[in-house]
Protein backbone atom coordinates (compact mmCIF):
# COMPACT_ATOMS: atom_id res chain seq x y z
CA MET A 1 0.00 0.00 0.00
CA LYS A 2 1.30 3.45 -0.85
CA THR A 3 1.40 6.59 1.24
CA LEU A 4 -0.20 9.77 -0.04
CA TYR A 5 0.81 13.17 1.27
CA LEU A 6 -1.48 16.14 0.68
CA ARG A 7 -0.26 19.71 0.59
CA ASN A 8 -2.13 22.99 0.72
CA VAL A 9 -5.23 21.51 2.34
CA PRO A 10 -7.36 24.47 3.46
CA ASP A 11 -7.69 24.85 7.22
CA GLU A 12 -11.49 24.60 7.04
CA VAL A 13 -11.23 21.26 5.25
CA VAL A 14 -8.82 19.91 7.87
CA ASP A 15 -11.07 21.20 10.65
CA ALA A 16 -14.13 19.54 9.09
CA LEU A 17 -12.26 16.25 8.62
CA GLU A 18 -11.15 16.32 12.25
CA VAL A 19 -14.72 16.86 13.44
CA LEU A 20 -16.11 14.12 11.19
CA ALA A 21 -13.37 11.71 12.22
CA ARG A 22 -13.90 12.38 15.91
CA ASP A 23 -17.68 11.97 15.56
CA GLN A 24 -17.16 8.58 13.91
CA SER A 25 -14.35 7.47 16.25
CA MET A 26 -11.89 7.31 13.36
CA SER A 27 -8.54 8.83 12.63
CA VAL A 28 -8.42 11.67 10.13
CA SER A 29 -6.29 9.46 7.91
CA ALA A 30 -8.81 6.59 7.96
CA LEU A 31 -11.68 8.98 7.25
CA ALA A 32 -9.80 10.62 4.39
CA VAL A 33 -9.00 7.23 2.82
CA ARG A 34 -12.65 6.17 3.13
CA GLU A 35 -13.86 9.39 1.52
CA LEU A 36 -11.28 9.21 -1.28
CA LYS A 37 -12.31 5.62 -2.03
CA ALA A 38 -15.96 6.70 -2.20
CA ALA A 39 -15.11 9.59 -4.52
CA VAL A 40 -13.17 7.30 -6.86
CA ALA A 41 -15.98 4.71 -6.87
CA PHE A 42 -18.53 7.43 -7.65
CA ARG A 43 -16.43 8.70 -10.54
CA LEU A 44 -15.90 5.21 -11.95
CA ASN A 45 -19.64 4.52 -11.76
CA ALA A 46 -20.40 7.82 -13.49
CA ASP A 47 -17.89 7.01 -16.24
CA ILE A 48 -19.56 3.63 -16.78
CA LEU A 49 -22.99 5.22 -17.00
CA TYR A 50 -21.89 7.93 -19.43
CA ALA A 51 -20.17 5.34 -21.63
CA GLN A 52 -23.44 3.48 -22.22
CA PRO A 53 -25.23 3.98 -25.53
CA ASP A 54 -28.25 6.24 -25.66
CA LEU A 55 -31.22 3.90 -26.07
CA ALA A 56 -33.67 6.78 -26.49
CA VAL A 57 -35.91 5.42 -23.74
CA GLU A 58 -38.03 8.03 -22.05
CA LEU A 59 -38.14 8.16 -18.25
CA ASP A 60 -41.94 8.09 -18.31
CA ASP A 61 -41.82 4.79 -20.24
CA VAL A 62 -39.48 3.27 -17.65
CA VAL A 63 -41.69 4.43 -14.78
CA ALA A 64 -44.79 3.05 -16.51
CA ALA A 65 -43.11 -0.32 -17.08
CA VAL A 66 -42.02 -0.55 -13.44
CA ARG A 67 -45.48 0.36 -12.21
CA SER A 68 -47.17 -2.16 -14.49
CA GLY A 69 -44.81 -4.84 -13.20
CA ARG A 70 -45.73 -3.99 -9.63
CA ASP A 71 -49.46 -4.16 -10.38
CA ARG A 72 -49.32 -7.83 -11.42
């Protein structure tokens, strides 16, 4: 596992991380790693979604299909 050093982190960000970490009984480092992992996962998921072809399916059609499936 590698070590990541961050520079120029604004004081208000550090303060907020410290509060969040304390509230969750975690170290700032553990909290930061968790949040970075979540940010990367979110970005990867978004990239996968945007890479999908446009099927020209309207949201209303999807909602109607789901509702009709529930009514059975």
